[in-house]
Amino acid sequence: MTTTGRKTGKQHKVELWFALDNGKIFLSHEGKQTDWMKNIGKKSHVTVRIGSSSLEATAVVAKEGSASREKGKKFLYEKYYGPASKEVLDDWFELSTVIELTLAPE
C-alpha cells in the first residue's frame, strides 16, 4: 500500500498482510500507530498493489465494536489461520488496529 506522507507529501510504501471481502480490503497492525497509519489519518486516499493490479482506495480506521472491525478481524484471521471463535478473534486483535479500504469505482 502507498500512502502520502502527512508532513513531506512524499509517497510511502509498505507491505502488509490483507484480506478481501466484497470490494473491501482489510488490514491490521498491532501496537502503536505507525507512519503509514498516521498518513491515512491525514489523507485517506491510498494506492494498493495486489499482484500486478494497482487499485485506488479510501482508507479508514475501523472503530472499536463496529461491524467493519468485526468483519475485518474475522476475514484477516480466517485467511491466514482458519476459522476461530469470537473469543479467539477478540484476544488476537486486542492490541490491533483494523483498517478498512474501500476501492474506488473504476
C-alpha atoms as a PDB file:
ATOM      1  CA  MET A   1       0.000   0.000   0.000  1.00  0.00           C
ATOM      2  CA  THR A   2       1.188   3.504  -0.757  1.00  0.00           C
ATOM      3  CA  THR A   3       0.166   6.473   1.394  1.00  0.00           C
ATOM      4  CA  THR A   4       1.056  10.134   1.057  1.00  0.00           C
ATOM      5  CA  GLY A   5       3.325  11.499   3.779  1.00  0.00           C
ATOM      6  CA  ARG A   6       1.383  13.832   6.062  1.00  0.00           C
ATOM      7  CA  LYS A   7       4.397  16.121   6.534  1.00  0.00           C
ATOM      8  CA  THR A   8       6.532  15.582   3.439  1.00  0.00           C
ATOM      9  CA  GLY A   9       3.859  14.827   0.838  1.00  0.00           C
ATOM     10  CA  LYS A  10       6.127  12.045  -0.462  1.00  0.00           C
ATOM     11  CA  GLN A  11       4.907   8.564  -1.324  1.00  0.00           C
ATOM     12  CA  HIS A  12       5.349   5.994   1.481  1.00  0.00           C
ATOM     13  CA  LYS A  13       5.123   2.295   0.549  1.00  0.00           C
ATOM     14  CA  VAL A  14       4.542  -0.550   2.995  1.00  0.00           C
ATOM     15  CA  GLU A  15       3.991  -4.280   2.549  1.00  0.00           C
ATOM     16  CA  LEU A  16       1.083  -5.636   4.599  1.00  0.00           C
ATOM     17  CA  TRP A  17      -0.998  -8.732   5.104  1.00  0.00           C
ATOM     18  CA  PHE A  18      -4.522  -8.225   3.831  1.00  0.00           C
ATOM     19  CA  ALA A  19      -7.892  -9.898   3.363  1.00  0.00           C
ATOM     20  CA  LEU A  20     -10.555  -9.179   0.729  1.00  0.00           C
ATOM     21  CA  ASP A  21     -14.334  -9.163   1.068  1.00  0.00           C
ATOM     22  CA  ASN A  22     -16.827  -7.836  -1.498  1.00  0.00           C
ATOM     23  CA  GLY A  23     -14.786  -4.873  -2.711  1.00  0.00           C
ATOM     24  CA  LYS A  24     -13.292  -4.139   0.721  1.00  0.00           C
ATOM     25  CA  ILE A  25      -9.704  -4.757   1.761  1.00  0.00           C
ATOM     26  CA  PHE A  26      -8.901  -5.220   5.441  1.00  0.00           C
ATOM     27  CA  LEU A  27      -5.504  -4.605   7.058  1.00  0.00           C
ATOM     28  CA  SER A  28      -4.386  -4.684  10.662  1.00  0.00           C
ATOM     29  CA  HIS A  29      -1.469  -3.550  12.743  1.00  0.00           C
ATOM     30  CA  GLU A  30      -0.647  -4.412  16.332  1.00  0.00           C
ATOM     31  CA  GLY A  31       0.839  -1.814  18.627  1.00  0.00           C
ATOM     32  CA  LYS A  32       1.481   1.902  18.310  1.00  0.00           C
ATOM     33  CA  GLN A  33       0.427   3.905  15.280  1.00  0.00           C
ATOM     34  CA  THR A  34       2.991   3.778  12.501  1.00  0.00           C
ATOM     35  CA  ASP A  35       3.752   6.496   9.959  1.00  0.00           C
ATOM     36  CA  TRP A  36       1.521   4.886   7.329  1.00  0.00           C
ATOM     37  CA  MET A  37      -1.373   4.803   9.812  1.00  0.00           C
ATOM     38  CA  LYS A  38      -0.831   8.466  10.708  1.00  0.00           C
ATOM     39  CA  ASN A  39      -0.690   9.255   6.988  1.00  0.00           C
ATOM     40  CA  ILE A  40      -4.139   7.761   6.328  1.00  0.00           C
ATOM     41  CA  GLY A  41      -5.464   9.787   9.254  1.00  0.00           C
ATOM     42  CA  LYS A  42      -4.392  12.929   7.394  1.00  0.00           C
ATOM     43  CA  LYS A  43      -5.125  11.818   3.812  1.00  0.00           C
ATOM     44  CA  SER A  44      -7.288   8.727   3.363  1.00  0.00           C
ATOM     45  CA  HIS A  45      -6.579   8.205  -0.345  1.00  0.00           C
ATOM     46  CA  VAL A  46      -4.186   5.287  -0.890  1.00  0.00           C
ATOM     47  CA  THR A  47      -2.979   3.082  -3.708  1.00  0.00           C
ATOM     48  CA  VAL A  48      -2.915  -0.673  -3.213  1.00  0.00           C
ATOM     49  CA  ARG A  49      -0.953  -3.128  -5.327  1.00  0.00           C
ATOM     50  CA  ILE A  50      -2.047  -6.747  -5.242  1.00  0.00           C
ATOM     51  CA  GLY A  51      -0.076  -8.889  -7.649  1.00  0.00           C
ATOM     52  CA  SER A  52       0.138  -6.904 -10.883  1.00  0.00           C
ATOM     53  CA  SER A  53      -3.014  -4.864 -10.171  1.00  0.00           C
ATOM     54  CA  SER A  54      -2.812  -1.321  -8.834  1.00  0.00           C
ATOM     55  CA  LEU A  55      -6.008  -0.069  -7.193  1.00  0.00           C
ATOM     56  CA  GLU A  56      -7.114   3.273  -5.763  1.00  0.00           C
ATOM     57  CA  ALA A  57      -8.886   3.178  -2.403  1.00  0.00           C
ATOM     58  CA  THR A  58     -10.025   5.161   0.608  1.00  0.00           C
ATOM     59  CA  ALA A  59      -8.688   4.006   3.978  1.00  0.00           C
ATOM     60  CA  VAL A  60     -10.419   4.403   7.341  1.00  0.00           C
ATOM     61  CA  VAL A  61      -9.653   3.014  10.777  1.00  0.00           C
ATOM     62  CA  ALA A  62     -12.493   0.694  11.824  1.00  0.00           C
ATOM     63  CA  LYS A  63     -13.897   1.885  15.139  1.00  0.00           C
ATOM     64  CA  GLU A  64     -13.844  -0.361  18.194  1.00  0.00           C
ATOM     65  CA  GLY A  65     -17.002  -2.512  18.280  1.00  0.00           C
ATOM     66  CA  SER A  66     -18.071  -1.570  14.733  1.00  0.00           C
ATOM     67  CA  ALA A  67     -19.386  -4.127  12.259  1.00  0.00           C
ATOM     68  CA  SER A  68     -16.495  -3.204   9.976  1.00  0.00           C
ATOM     69  CA  ARG A  69     -13.895  -4.003  12.651  1.00  0.00           C
ATOM     70  CA  GLU A  70     -15.562  -7.312  13.491  1.00  0.00           C
ATOM     71  CA  LYS A  71     -15.739  -8.274   9.824  1.00  0.00           C
ATOM     72  CA  GLY A  72     -12.108  -7.287   9.285  1.00  0.00           C
ATOM     73  CA  LYS A  73     -10.920  -9.332  12.269  1.00  0.00           C
ATOM     74  CA  LYS A  74     -12.796 -12.378  11.000  1.00  0.00           C
ATOM     75  CA  PHE A  75     -11.590 -12.171   7.392  1.00  0.00           C
ATOM     76  CA  LEU A  76      -7.977 -11.440   8.318  1.00  0.00           C
ATOM     77  CA  TYR A  77      -7.742 -14.241  10.864  1.00  0.00           C
ATOM     78  CA  GLU A  78      -9.523 -16.818   8.714  1.00  0.00           C
ATOM     79  CA  LYS A  79      -7.428 -16.049   5.638  1.00  0.00           C
ATOM     80  CA  TYR A  80      -4.184 -16.865   7.432  1.00  0.00           C
ATOM     81  CA  TYR A  81      -5.191 -19.244  10.239  1.00  0.00           C
ATOM     82  CA  GLY A  82      -8.663 -20.693   9.582  1.00  0.00           C
ATOM     83  CA  PRO A  83     -11.973 -20.410  11.448  1.00  0.00           C
ATOM     84  CA  ALA A  84     -11.973 -19.140  15.036  1.00  0.00           C
ATOM     85  CA  SER A  85     -14.418 -18.274  17.793  1.00  0.00           C
ATOM     86  CA  LYS A  86     -15.280 -14.682  18.693  1.00  0.00           C
ATOM     87  CA  GLU A  87     -13.214 -15.096  21.866  1.00  0.00           C
ATOM     88  CA  VAL A  88     -10.122 -16.070  19.863  1.00  0.00           C
ATOM     89  CA  LEU A  89     -10.635 -13.160  17.457  1.00  0.00           C
ATOM     90  CA  ASP A  90     -11.136 -10.689  20.289  1.00  0.00           C
ATOM     91  CA  ASP A  91      -7.976 -11.927  22.022  1.00  0.00           C
ATOM     92  CA  TRP A  92      -5.906 -11.993  18.818  1.00  0.00           C
ATOM     93  CA  PHE A  93      -6.854  -8.430  17.831  1.00  0.00           C
ATOM     94  CA  GLU A  94      -6.979  -6.928  21.347  1.00  0.00           C
ATOM     95  CA  LEU A  95      -3.985  -4.651  20.701  1.00  0.00           C
ATOM     96  CA  SER A  96      -4.572  -4.223  16.967  1.00  0.00           C
ATOM     97  CA  THR A  97      -5.964  -1.527  14.764  1.00  0.00           C
ATOM     98  CA  VAL A  98      -8.113  -2.719  11.854  1.00  0.00           C
ATOM     99  CA  ILE A  99      -8.150  -0.609   8.688  1.00  0.00           C
ATOM    100  CA  GLU A 100     -10.835  -0.894   6.013  1.00  0.00           C
ATOM    101  CA  LEU A 101     -10.081   0.103   2.438  1.00  0.00           C
ATOM    102  CA  THR A 102     -12.942   0.850   0.061  1.00  0.00           C
ATOM    103  CA  LEU A 103     -11.933   0.520  -3.569  1.00  0.00           C
ATOM    104  CA  ALA A 104     -12.595   3.499  -5.823  1.00  0.00           C
ATOM    105  CA  PRO A 105     -15.056   2.873  -8.666  1.00  0.00           C
ATOM    106  CA  GLU A 106     -13.337   2.092 -11.947  1.00  0.00           C
END
